[in-house]
PDB file of N, CA and C in Angstrom:
ATOM      1  N   MET A   1      97.385 114.095 111.142  1.00  0.00           N
ATOM      2  CA  MET A   1      98.105 115.241 111.638  1.00  0.00           C
ATOM      3  C   MET A   1      98.364 116.200 110.478  1.00  0.00           C
ATOM      4  N   VAL A   2      98.228 117.488 110.734  1.00  0.00           N
ATOM      5  CA  VAL A   2      98.444 118.516 109.718  1.00  0.00           C
ATOM      6  C   VAL A   2      99.404 119.560 110.267  1.00  0.00           C
ATOM      7  N   GLU A   3     100.365 119.963 109.442  1.00  0.00           N
ATOM      8  CA  GLU A   3     101.255 121.083 109.765  1.00  0.00           C
ATOM      9  C   GLU A   3     101.151 122.087 108.630  1.00  0.00           C
ATOM     10  N   ILE A   4     101.272 123.361 108.973  1.00  0.00           N
ATOM     11  CA  ILE A   4     101.181 124.420 107.977  1.00  0.00           C
ATOM     12  C   ILE A   4     102.442 125.267 108.064  1.00  0.00           C
ATOM     13  N   PHE A   5     102.998 125.559 106.880  1.00  0.00           N
ATOM     14  CA  PHE A   5     104.215 126.361 106.774  1.00  0.00           C
ATOM     15  C   PHE A   5     103.935 127.616 105.965  1.00  0.00           C
ATOM     16  N   LYS A   6     104.542 128.736 106.367  1.00  0.00           N
ATOM     17  CA  LYS A   6     104.511 129.957 105.575  1.00  0.00           C
ATOM     18  C   LYS A   6     105.678 129.903 104.597  1.00  0.00           C
ATOM     19  N   THR A   7     105.446 130.315 103.348  1.00  0.00           N
ATOM     20  CA  THR A   7     106.521 130.338 102.354  1.00  0.00           C
ATOM     21  C   THR A   7     106.445 131.639 101.559  1.00  0.00           C
ATOM     22  N   ASN A   8     107.410 131.807 100.665  1.00  0.00           N
ATOM     23  CA  ASN A   8     107.370 132.937  99.750  1.00  0.00           C
ATOM     24  C   ASN A   8     107.248 132.465  98.290  1.00  0.00           C
ATOM     25  N   VAL A   9     106.693 131.291  98.081  1.00  0.00           N
ATOM     26  CA  VAL A   9     106.510 130.744  96.734  1.00  0.00           C
ATOM     27  C   VAL A   9     105.449 131.578  96.015  1.00  0.00           C
ATOM     28  N   LYS A  10     105.789 132.038  94.807  1.00  0.00           N
ATOM     29  CA  LYS A  10     104.849 132.883  94.079  1.00  0.00           C
ATOM     30  C   LYS A  10     104.304 132.225  92.821  1.00  0.00           C
ATOM     31  N   SER A  11     105.030 131.282  92.252  1.00  0.00           N
ATOM     32  CA  SER A  11     104.584 130.711  90.980  1.00  0.00           C
ATOM     33  C   SER A  11     104.121 129.265  91.130  1.00  0.00           C
ATOM     34  N   LYS A  12     103.140 128.918  90.309  1.00  0.00           N
ATOM     35  CA  LYS A  12     102.646 127.543  90.302  1.00  0.00           C
ATOM     36  C   LYS A  12     103.727 126.586  89.820  1.00  0.00           C
ATOM     37  N   ARG A  13     104.561 127.056  88.919  1.00  0.00           N
ATOM     38  CA  ARG A  13     105.635 126.208  88.389  1.00  0.00           C
ATOM     39  C   ARG A  13     106.603 125.799  89.498  1.00  0.00           C
ATOM     40  N   LEU A  14     107.048 126.769  90.287  1.00  0.00           N
ATOM     41  CA  LEU A  14     107.963 126.470  91.390  1.00  0.00           C
ATOM     42  C   LEU A  14     107.266 125.594  92.428  1.00  0.00           C
ATOM     43  N   ALA A  15     106.024 125.893  92.724  1.00  0.00           N
ATOM     44  CA  ALA A  15     105.274 125.082  93.683  1.00  0.00           C
ATOM     45  C   ALA A  15     105.211 123.634  93.211  1.00  0.00           C
ATOM     46  N   GLY A  16     104.990 123.426  91.923  1.00  0.00           N
ATOM     47  CA  GLY A  16     104.938 122.072  91.367  1.00  0.00           C
ATOM     48  C   GLY A  16     106.248 121.328  91.535  1.00  0.00           C
ATOM     49  N   LYS A  17     107.366 122.013  91.292  1.00  0.00           N
ATOM     50  CA  LYS A  17     108.685 121.387  91.466  1.00  0.00           C
ATOM     51  C   LYS A  17     108.913 120.979  92.916  1.00  0.00           C
ATOM     52  N   VAL A  18     108.554 121.876  93.818  1.00  0.00           N
ATOM     53  CA  VAL A  18     108.743 121.605  95.247  1.00  0.00           C
ATOM     54  C   VAL A  18     107.861 120.438  95.681  1.00  0.00           C
ATOM     55  N   LEU A  19     106.610 120.439  95.252  1.00  0.00           N
ATOM     56  CA  LEU A  19     105.704 119.349  95.619  1.00  0.00           C
ATOM     57  C   LEU A  19     106.216 118.012  95.110  1.00  0.00           C
ATOM     58  N   LYS A  20     106.731 117.990  93.895  1.00  0.00           N
ATOM     59  CA  LYS A  20     107.261 116.749  93.316  1.00  0.00           C
ATOM     60  C   LYS A  20     108.447 116.235  94.146  1.00  0.00           C
ATOM     61  N   SER A  21     109.320 117.137  94.533  1.00  0.00           N
ATOM     62  CA  SER A  21     110.484 116.760  95.341  1.00  0.00           C
ATOM     63  C   SER A  21     110.058 116.262  96.723  1.00  0.00           C
ATOM     64  N   LEU A  22     109.153 116.978  97.362  1.00  0.00           N
ATOM     65  CA  LEU A  22     108.688 116.563  98.682  1.00  0.00           C
ATOM     66  C   LEU A  22     108.022 115.196  98.618  1.00  0.00           C
ATOM     67  N   GLN A  23     107.197 114.986  97.596  1.00  0.00           N
ATOM     68  CA  GLN A  23     106.487 113.713  97.469  1.00  0.00           C
ATOM     69  C   GLN A  23     107.461 112.555  97.240  1.00  0.00           C
ATOM     70  N   SER A  24     108.539 112.817  96.491  1.00  0.00           N
ATOM     71  CA  SER A  24     109.499 111.735  96.244  1.00  0.00           C
ATOM     72  C   SER A  24     110.323 111.405  97.493  1.00  0.00           C
ATOM     73  N   HIS A  25     110.604 112.405  98.326  1.00  0.00           N
ATOM     74  CA  HIS A  25     111.371 112.179  99.549  1.00  0.00           C
ATOM     75  C   HIS A  25     110.510 111.668 100.701  1.00  0.00           C
ATOM     76  N   LEU A  26     109.247 112.074 100.718  1.00  0.00           N
ATOM     77  CA  LEU A  26     108.359 111.739 101.835  1.00  0.00           C
ATOM     78  C   LEU A  26     107.015 111.238 101.284  1.00  0.00           C
ATOM     79  N   PRO A  27     107.006 110.043 100.697  1.00  0.00           N
ATOM     80  CA  PRO A  27     105.794 109.559 100.022  1.00  0.00           C
ATOM     81  C   PRO A  27     104.607 109.267 100.949  1.00  0.00           C
ATOM     82  N   ALA A  28     104.835 109.159 102.240  1.00  0.00           N
ATOM     83  CA  ALA A  28     103.734 108.875 103.168  1.00  0.00           C
ATOM     84  C   ALA A  28     102.913 110.123 103.480  1.00  0.00           C
ATOM     85  N   PHE A  29     103.420 111.299 103.070  1.00  0.00           N
ATOM     86  CA  PHE A  29     102.749 112.553 103.380  1.00  0.00           C
ATOM     87  C   PHE A  29     102.017 113.078 102.155  1.00  0.00           C
ATOM     88  N   GLN A  30     101.013 113.929 102.408  1.00  0.00           N
ATOM     89  CA  GLN A  30     100.302 114.632 101.339  1.00  0.00           C
ATOM     90  C   GLN A  30     100.635 116.110 101.464  1.00  0.00           C
ATOM     91  N   PHE A  31     100.965 116.741 100.336  1.00  0.00           N
ATOM     92  CA  PHE A  31     101.383 118.136 100.319  1.00  0.00           C
ATOM     93  C   PHE A  31     100.503 118.934  99.369  1.00  0.00           C
ATOM     94  N   ASN A  32     100.261 120.208  99.724  1.00  0.00           N
ATOM     95  CA  ASN A  32      99.672 121.131  98.763  1.00  0.00           C
ATOM     96  C   ASN A  32      99.988 122.567  99.153  1.00  0.00           C
ATOM     97  N   PHE A  33     100.030 123.427  98.151  1.00  0.00           N
ATOM     98  CA  PHE A  33     100.255 124.852  98.355  1.00  0.00           C
ATOM     99  C   PHE A  33      98.943 125.589  98.200  1.00  0.00           C
ATOM    100  N   ASP A  34      98.782 126.651  98.962  1.00  0.00           N
ATOM    101  CA  ASP A  34      97.700 127.608  98.746  1.00  0.00           C
ATOM    102  C   ASP A  34      98.372 128.933  98.416  1.00  0.00           C
ATOM    103  N   LEU A  35      98.575 129.174  97.125  1.00  0.00           N
ATOM    104  CA  LEU A  35      99.276 130.380  96.686  1.00  0.00           C
ATOM    105  C   LEU A  35      98.369 131.602  96.723  1.00  0.00           C
ATOM    106  N   ASP A  36      97.061 131.406  96.892  1.00  0.00           N
ATOM    107  CA  ASP A  36      96.134 132.532  96.996  1.00  0.00           C
ATOM    108  C   ASP A  36      96.133 133.125  98.400  1.00  0.00           C
ATOM    109  N   ASP A  37      96.582 132.353  99.384  1.00  0.00           N
ATOM    110  CA  ASP A  37      96.684 132.833 100.759  1.00  0.00           C
ATOM    111  C   ASP A  37      97.831 133.838 100.855  1.00  0.00           C
ATOM    112  N   CYS A  38      97.681 134.860 101.668  1.00  0.00           N
ATOM    113  CA  CYS A  38      98.733 135.883 101.788  1.00  0.00           C
ATOM    114  C   CYS A  38     100.046 135.305 102.312  1.00  0.00           C
ATOM    115  N   ASP A  39      99.985 134.189 103.040  1.00  0.00           N
ATOM    116  CA  ASP A  39     101.197 133.548 103.566  1.00  0.00           C
ATOM    117  C   ASP A  39     101.727 132.456 102.644  1.00  0.00           C
ATOM    118  N   ARG A  40     101.074 132.249 101.497  1.00  0.00           N
ATOM    119  CA  ARG A  40     101.487 131.235 100.505  1.00  0.00           C
ATOM    120  C   ARG A  40     101.826 129.916 101.210  1.00  0.00           C
ATOM    121  N   ILE A  41     100.818 129.375 101.871  1.00  0.00           N
ATOM    122  CA  ILE A  41     101.047 128.245 102.766  1.00  0.00           C
ATOM    123  C   ILE A  41     101.301 126.922 102.041  1.00  0.00           C
ATOM    124  N   LEU A  42     102.130 126.142 102.687  1.00  0.00           N
ATOM    125  CA  LEU A  42     102.359 124.749 102.318  1.00  0.00           C
ATOM    126  C   LEU A  42     101.705 123.924 103.414  1.00  0.00           C
ATOM    127  N   ARG A  43     100.747 123.101 103.021  1.00  0.00           N
ATOM    128  CA  ARG A  43     100.027 122.249 103.972  1.00  0.00           C
ATOM    129  C   ARG A  43     100.546 120.828 103.838  1.00  0.00           C
ATOM    130  N   VAL A  44     100.857 120.228 104.970  1.00  0.00           N
ATOM    131  CA  VAL A  44     101.371 118.858 104.997  1.00  0.00           C
ATOM    132  C   VAL A  44     100.433 118.028 105.862  1.00  0.00           C
ATOM    133  N   GLN A  45      99.984 116.913 105.310  1.00  0.00           N
ATOM    134  CA  GLN A  45      99.057 116.049 106.037  1.00  0.00           C
ATOM    135  C   GLN A  45      99.590 114.631 106.053  1.00  0.00           C
ATOM    136  N   THR A  46      99.411 113.981 107.191  1.00  0.00           N
ATOM    137  CA  THR A  46      99.821 112.596 107.346  1.00  0.00           C
ATOM    138  C   THR A  46      98.805 111.887 108.234  1.00  0.00           C
ATOM    139  N   SER A  47      98.691 110.618 108.043  1.00  0.00           N
ATOM    140  CA  SER A  47      97.778 109.865 108.909  1.00  0.00           C
ATOM    141  C   SER A  47      98.606 109.042 109.889  1.00  0.00           C
ATOM    142  N   GLY A  48      98.682 109.538 111.106  1.00  0.00           N
ATOM    143  CA  GLY A  48      99.344 108.779 112.155  1.00  0.00           C
ATOM    144  C   GLY A  48     100.757 109.201 112.479  1.00  0.00           C
ATOM    145  N   CYS A  49     101.679 109.134 111.535  1.00  0.00           N
ATOM    146  CA  CYS A  49     103.076 109.422 111.861  1.00  0.00           C
ATOM    147  C   CYS A  49     103.312 110.933 111.949  1.00  0.00           C
ATOM    148  N   PRO A  50     104.266 111.350 112.769  1.00  0.00           N
ATOM    149  CA  PRO A  50     104.529 112.778 112.925  1.00  0.00           C
ATOM    150  C   PRO A  50     105.131 113.384 111.643  1.00  0.00           C
ATOM    151  N   VAL A  51     104.829 114.645 111.426  1.00  0.00           N
ATOM    152  CA  VAL A  51     105.358 115.366 110.270  1.00  0.00           C
ATOM    153  C   VAL A  51     106.833 115.654 110.508  1.00  0.00           C
ATOM    154  N   GLU A  52     107.645 115.383 109.518  1.00  0.00           N
ATOM    155  CA  GLU A  52     109.095 115.597 109.617  1.00  0.00           C
ATOM    156  C   GLU A  52     109.428 117.029 109.209  1.00  0.00           C
ATOM    157  N   CYS A  53     109.152 117.969 110.117  1.00  0.00           N
ATOM    158  CA  CYS A  53     109.288 119.396 109.819  1.00  0.00           C
ATOM    159  C   CYS A  53     110.699 119.784 109.392  1.00  0.00           C
ATOM    160  N   VAL A  54     111.708 119.285 110.078  1.00  0.00           N
ATOM    161  CA  VAL A  54     113.092 119.649 109.766  1.00  0.00           C
ATOM    162  C   VAL A  54     113.455 119.209 108.360  1.00  0.00           C
ATOM    163  N   LYS A  55     113.066 118.012 107.979  1.00  0.00           N
ATOM    164  CA  LYS A  55     113.363 117.500 106.645  1.00  0.00           C
ATOM    165  C   LYS A  55     112.620 118.297 105.576  1.00  0.00           C
ATOM    166  N   ILE A  56     111.370 118.628 105.835  1.00  0.00           N
ATOM    167  CA  ILE A  56     110.578 119.413 104.890  1.00  0.00           C
ATOM    168  C   ILE A  56     111.213 120.785 104.687  1.00  0.00           C
ATOM    169  N   ILE A  57     111.583 121.439 105.768  1.00  0.00           N
ATOM    170  CA  ILE A  57     112.209 122.764 105.681  1.00  0.00           C
ATOM    171  C   ILE A  57     113.515 122.675 104.901  1.00  0.00           C
ATOM    172  N   HIS A  58     114.310 121.650 105.151  1.00  0.00           N
ATOM    173  CA  HIS A  58     115.583 121.474 104.448  1.00  0.00           C
ATOM    174  C   HIS A  58     115.353 121.313 102.934  1.00  0.00           C
ATOM    175  N   ILE A  59     114.400 120.510 102.546  1.00  0.00           N
ATOM    176  CA  ILE A  59     114.117 120.281 101.122  1.00  0.00           C
ATOM    177  C   ILE A  59     113.648 121.578 100.463  1.00  0.00           C
ATOM    178  N   VAL A  60     112.725 122.277 101.106  1.00  0.00           N
ATOM    179  CA  VAL A  60     112.170 123.504 100.522  1.00  0.00           C
ATOM    180  C   VAL A  60     113.235 124.593 100.432  1.00  0.00           C
ATOM    181  N   LYS A  61     114.069 124.735 101.456  1.00  0.00           N
ATOM    182  CA  LYS A  61     115.130 125.742 101.419  1.00  0.00           C
ATOM    183  C   LYS A  61     116.143 125.460 100.319  1.00  0.00           C
ATOM    184  N   GLY A  62     116.244 124.201  99.894  1.00  0.00           N
ATOM    185  CA  GLY A  62     117.120 123.852  98.782  1.00  0.00           C
ATOM    186  C   GLY A  62     116.711 124.531  97.484  1.00  0.00           C
ATOM    187  N   TYR A  63     115.487 125.014  97.412  1.00  0.00           N
ATOM    188  CA  TYR A  63     114.983 125.760  96.253  1.00  0.00           C
ATOM    189  C   TYR A  63     115.076 127.265  96.477  1.00  0.00           C
ATOM    190  N   GLU A  64     115.834 127.675  97.497  1.00  0.00           N
ATOM    191  CA  GLU A  64     116.015 129.080  97.871  1.00  0.00           C
ATOM    192  C   GLU A  64     114.686 129.751  98.194  1.00  0.00           C
ATOM    193  N   ILE A  65     113.853 129.002  98.905  1.00  0.00           N
ATOM    194  CA  ILE A  65     112.535 129.479  99.331  1.00  0.00           C
ATOM    195  C   ILE A  65     112.586 129.726 100.835  1.00  0.00           C
ATOM    196  N   ASP A  66     112.000 130.845 101.254  1.00  0.00           N
ATOM    197  CA  ASP A  66     111.836 131.114 102.687  1.00  0.00           C
ATOM    198  C   ASP A  66     110.670 130.266 103.184  1.00  0.00           C
ATOM    199  N   ILE A  67     110.873 129.598 104.300  1.00  0.00           N
ATOM    200  CA  ILE A  67     109.829 128.738 104.868  1.00  0.00           C
ATOM    201  C   ILE A  67     109.950 128.741 106.380  1.00  0.00           C
ATOM    202  N   SER A  68     108.803 128.778 107.040  1.00  0.00           N
ATOM    203  CA  SER A  68     108.783 128.685 108.490  1.00  0.00           C
ATOM    204  C   SER A  68     107.482 128.028 108.917  1.00  0.00           C
ATOM    205  N   LEU A  69     107.535 127.360 110.041  1.00  0.00           N
ATOM    206  CA  LEU A  69     106.344 126.703 110.589  1.00  0.00           C
ATOM    207  C   LEU A  69     105.355 127.781 110.992  1.00  0.00           C
ATOM    208  N   PHE A  70     104.108 127.633 110.577  1.00  0.00           N
ATOM    209  CA  PHE A  70     103.070 128.616 110.870  1.00  0.00           C
ATOM    210  C   PHE A  70     102.688 128.510 112.338  1.00  0.00           C
ATOM    211  N   GLU A  71     102.772 129.614 113.035  1.00  0.00           N
ATOM    212  CA  GLU A  71     102.411 129.667 114.456  1.00  0.00           C
ATOM    213  C   GLU A  71     100.972 130.129 114.588  1.00  0.00           C
ATOM    214  N   ASP A  72     100.178 129.422 115.390  1.00  0.00           N
ATOM    215  CA  ASP A  72      98.772 129.798 115.602  1.00  0.00           C
ATOM    216  C   ASP A  72      98.659 131.095 116.370  1.00  0.00           C
TER     217      ASP A  72
END
């Protein structure tokens, strides 16, 4: 399962901090940022279990980052 979030992350340094925090809180998931995309997406992938969107949003907002689930 894959979920995509829009963010306002601009720096690789901040993205690295966020990824480290997400990975420590949710080790079963795989995370990556695409900062070259105009929506600066955060991609979350998991095999089998549902993505914990509320928890992910809460963690990312703790870094004063705007984040929302990407709507198709």
